[in-house]
C-alpha atoms as a PDB file:
ATOM      1  CA  ALA A   1     212.015 267.434 234.041  1.00  0.00           C
ATOM      2  CA  ARG A   2     209.263 265.124 235.618  1.00  0.00           C
ATOM      3  CA  ALA A   3     205.674 264.278 234.428  1.00  0.00           C
ATOM      4  CA  SER A   4     204.319 265.152 237.707  1.00  0.00           C
ATOM      5  CA  GLY A   5     205.975 268.468 237.669  1.00  0.00           C
ATOM      6  CA  LYS A   6     204.797 269.351 234.356  1.00  0.00           C
ATOM      7  CA  VAL A   7     201.299 268.658 235.521  1.00  0.00           C
ATOM      8  CA  LEU A   8     201.525 270.523 238.832  1.00  0.00           C
ATOM      9  CA  LEU A   9     202.588 273.557 236.625  1.00  0.00           C
ATOM     10  CA  ALA A  10     199.779 273.195 233.858  1.00  0.00           C
ATOM     11  CA  PHE A  11     197.088 273.109 236.478  1.00  0.00           C
ATOM     12  CA  ALA A  12     198.721 275.845 238.813  1.00  0.00           C
ATOM     13  CA  PRO A  13     197.250 279.198 238.840  1.00  0.00           C
ATOM     14  CA  ALA A  14     199.361 281.326 236.393  1.00  0.00           C
ATOM     15  CA  GLU A  15     200.907 283.632 238.783  1.00  0.00           C
ATOM     16  CA  GLU A  16     202.005 280.473 240.905  1.00  0.00           C
ATOM     17  CA  ARG A  17     203.472 279.091 237.718  1.00  0.00           C
ATOM     18  CA  GLU A  18     205.216 282.177 236.613  1.00  0.00           C
ATOM     19  CA  ARG A  19     206.869 282.683 240.219  1.00  0.00           C
ATOM     20  CA  TYR A  20     207.670 279.194 240.386  1.00  0.00           C
ATOM     21  CA  LEU A  21     209.689 279.416 236.830  1.00  0.00           C
ATOM     22  CA  ALA A  22     211.084 282.501 237.621  1.00  0.00           C
ATOM     23  CA  SER A  23     212.957 281.160 240.694  1.00  0.00           C
ATOM     24  CA  HIS A  24     214.149 277.921 239.517  1.00  0.00           C
ATOM     25  CA  PRO A  25     216.396 277.921 236.533  1.00  0.00           C
ATOM     26  CA  LEU A  26     215.992 275.251 233.715  1.00  0.00           C
ATOM     27  CA  GLU A  27     218.871 272.907 234.437  1.00  0.00           C
ATOM     28  CA  ALA A  28     219.742 269.793 232.240  1.00  0.00           C
ATOM     29  CA  VAL A  29     219.227 266.627 234.191  1.00  0.00           C
ATOM     30  CA  THR A  30     219.719 264.262 231.215  1.00  0.00           C
ATOM     31  CA  PRO A  31     220.333 265.075 227.564  1.00  0.00           C
ATOM     32  CA  ALA A  32     216.517 264.999 226.993  1.00  0.00           C
ATOM     33  CA  THR A  33     215.894 267.452 229.988  1.00  0.00           C
ATOM     34  CA  ILE A  34     213.756 270.540 228.142  1.00  0.00           C
ATOM     35  CA  ILE A  35     215.689 273.606 229.286  1.00  0.00           C
ATOM     36  CA  ASP A  36     214.443 276.071 226.753  1.00  0.00           C
ATOM     37  CA  ARG A  37     211.662 278.272 228.671  1.00  0.00           C
ATOM     38  CA  GLY A  38     209.782 278.506 225.423  1.00  0.00           C
ATOM     39  CA  ARG A  39     209.748 274.945 224.817  1.00  0.00           C
ATOM     40  CA  LEU A  40     208.751 274.248 228.225  1.00  0.00           C
ATOM     41  CA  LEU A  41     205.830 276.645 228.272  1.00  0.00           C
ATOM     42  CA  ALA A  42     204.720 274.965 225.153  1.00  0.00           C
ATOM     43  CA  GLU A  43     204.860 271.612 226.788  1.00  0.00           C
ATOM     44  CA  ILE A  44     202.903 272.716 229.793  1.00  0.00           C
ATOM     45  CA  ALA A  45     200.164 274.484 227.798  1.00  0.00           C
ATOM     46  CA  ALA A  46     199.813 270.885 225.668  1.00  0.00           C
ATOM     47  CA  VAL A  47     199.796 269.225 229.157  1.00  0.00           C
ATOM     48  CA  ALA A  48     196.748 271.336 230.036  1.00  0.00           C
ATOM     49  CA  GLU A  49     194.995 270.880 227.208  1.00  0.00           C
ATOM     50  CA  GLU A  50     195.578 267.273 226.834  1.00  0.00           C
ATOM     51  CA  GLY A  51     195.177 266.275 230.565  1.00  0.00           C
ATOM     52  CA  TYR A  52     198.278 264.361 231.386  1.00  0.00           C
ATOM     53  CA  ALA A  53     202.086 264.835 230.953  1.00  0.00           C
ATOM     54  CA  THR A  54     205.287 262.487 229.788  1.00  0.00           C
ATOM     55  CA  ASP A  55     208.701 262.451 230.496  1.00  0.00           C
ATOM     56  CA  GLU A  56     210.785 260.206 228.149  1.00  0.00           C
ATOM     57  CA  GLU A  57     214.219 260.112 229.751  1.00  0.00           C
ATOM     58  CA  GLU A  58     213.932 263.946 230.933  1.00  0.00           C
ATOM     59  CA  PHE A  59     214.633 262.985 234.456  1.00  0.00           C
ATOM     60  CA  CYS A  60     216.312 259.810 234.188  1.00  0.00           C
ATOM     61  CA  GLU A  61     217.818 258.127 231.513  1.00  0.00           C
ATOM     62  CA  GLY A  62     216.146 254.846 230.614  1.00  0.00           C
ATOM     63  CA  VAL A  63     213.165 255.803 232.408  1.00  0.00           C
ATOM     64  CA  GLY A  64     209.616 256.903 230.865  1.00  0.00           C
ATOM     65  CA  CYS A  65     206.654 258.521 233.180  1.00  0.00           C
ATOM     66  CA  LEU A  66     203.442 259.530 232.836  1.00  0.00           C
ATOM     67  CA  ALA A  67     201.173 261.880 235.263  1.00  0.00           C
ATOM     68  CA  VAL A  68     197.696 262.660 235.140  1.00  0.00           C
ATOM     69  CA  PRO A  69     196.117 265.669 237.563  1.00  0.00           C
ATOM     70  CA  VAL A  70     193.851 264.795 240.227  1.00  0.00           C
ATOM     71  CA  ARG A  71     191.278 267.523 240.236  1.00  0.00           C
ATOM     72  CA  ASP A  72     188.120 268.081 242.499  1.00  0.00           C
ATOM     73  CA  ASP A  73     185.805 270.578 241.130  1.00  0.00           C
ATOM     74  CA  GLY A  74     188.495 271.974 238.728  1.00  0.00           C
ATOM     75  CA  LEU A  75     191.132 272.223 241.946  1.00  0.00           C
ATOM     76  CA  LEU A  76     194.391 270.476 241.472  1.00  0.00           C
ATOM     77  CA  VAL A  77     194.793 268.309 244.622  1.00  0.00           C
ATOM     78  CA  ALA A  78     197.413 265.854 243.289  1.00  0.00           C
ATOM     79  CA  ALA A  79     199.113 264.140 240.511  1.00  0.00           C
ATOM     80  CA  TYR A  80     199.341 260.370 239.698  1.00  0.00           C
ATOM     81  CA  THR A  81     202.262 259.318 238.003  1.00  0.00           C
ATOM     82  CA  VAL A  82     203.656 256.063 237.018  1.00  0.00           C
ATOM     83  CA  SER A  83     207.209 255.210 235.799  1.00  0.00           C
ATOM     84  CA  SER A  84     208.746 252.294 234.003  1.00  0.00           C
ATOM     85  CA  PRO A  85     211.840 251.251 231.999  1.00  0.00           C
ATOM     86  CA  ILE A  86     211.645 253.250 228.727  1.00  0.00           C
ATOM     87  CA  GLU A  87     211.099 250.255 226.593  1.00  0.00           C
ATOM     88  CA  ARG A  88     208.081 249.148 228.830  1.00  0.00           C
ATOM     89  CA  TYR A  89     206.694 252.737 228.662  1.00  0.00           C
ATOM     90  CA  ARG A  90     206.621 252.985 225.231  1.00  0.00           C
ATOM     91  CA  GLU A  91     204.695 249.492 224.678  1.00  0.00           C
ATOM     92  CA  LEU A  92     202.274 250.299 227.917  1.00  0.00           C
ATOM     93  CA  ARG A  93     202.010 253.828 227.637  1.00  0.00           C
ATOM     94  CA  GLY A  94     198.176 253.632 226.376  1.00  0.00           C
ATOM     95  CA  ARG A  95     197.287 251.379 229.130  1.00  0.00           C
ATOM     96  CA  TYR A  96     199.016 253.293 231.938  1.00  0.00           C
ATOM     97  CA  LEU A  97     197.308 256.418 230.796  1.00  0.00           C
ATOM     98  CA  GLU A  98     193.744 254.988 230.976  1.00  0.00           C
ATOM     99  CA  ASP A  99     194.725 253.271 234.416  1.00  0.00           C
ATOM    100  CA  LEU A 100     196.146 256.673 235.783  1.00  0.00           C
ATOM    101  CA  ARG A 101     192.808 258.530 234.584  1.00  0.00           C
ATOM    102  CA  ALA A 102     190.809 255.631 236.260  1.00  0.00           C
ATOM    103  CA  ALA A 103     192.533 256.153 239.516  1.00  0.00           C
ATOM    104  CA  ALA A 104     192.401 259.873 239.620  1.00  0.00           C
ATOM    105  CA  ARG A 105     188.729 259.527 239.028  1.00  0.00           C
ATOM    106  CA  ALA A 106     188.230 256.921 241.612  1.00  0.00           C
ATOM    107  CA  ALA A 107     190.303 259.062 244.212  1.00  0.00           C
ATOM    108  CA  VAL A 108     188.002 261.857 243.661  1.00  0.00           C
ATOM    109  CA  GLU A 109     184.691 259.924 243.660  1.00  0.00           C
ATOM    110  CA  GLY A 110     186.095 258.324 247.074  1.00  0.00           C
ATOM    111  CA  ALA A 111     186.957 261.463 248.643  1.00  0.00           C
ATOM    112  CA  ARG A 112     183.491 262.993 247.832  1.00  0.00           C
ATOM    113  CA  ARG A 113     181.928 259.768 248.905  1.00  0.00           C
ATOM    114  CA  LYS A 114     183.995 259.986 252.348  1.00  0.00           C
ATOM    115  CA  ALA A 115     182.698 263.669 252.531  1.00  0.00           C
ATOM    116  CA  GLU A 116     179.037 262.983 252.624  1.00  0.00           C
END
């Protein structure tokens, strides 16, 4: 139900994703929660393709979230997420996404510089 969870599933190895989904039943948290496995898998595929995930009142009514992966050399190391009241989320979604992507890039670049 969370944008960050969708990112973690989308960029996890397929066997880990399947193992997780097999042991965690899809249960509604709000009326908007995705509880159909096929629909969730389609959404996870879209997240992997688009590079970000959304949650529009799926985990908490009145709240919207965006999440992006933080990847280093293709390996998922974290997910950055922003949450806000749904009206603000809808108004500022594009800016939030741009800022999240910039923060993810900066985190990886900073870690690489630190490692050098």
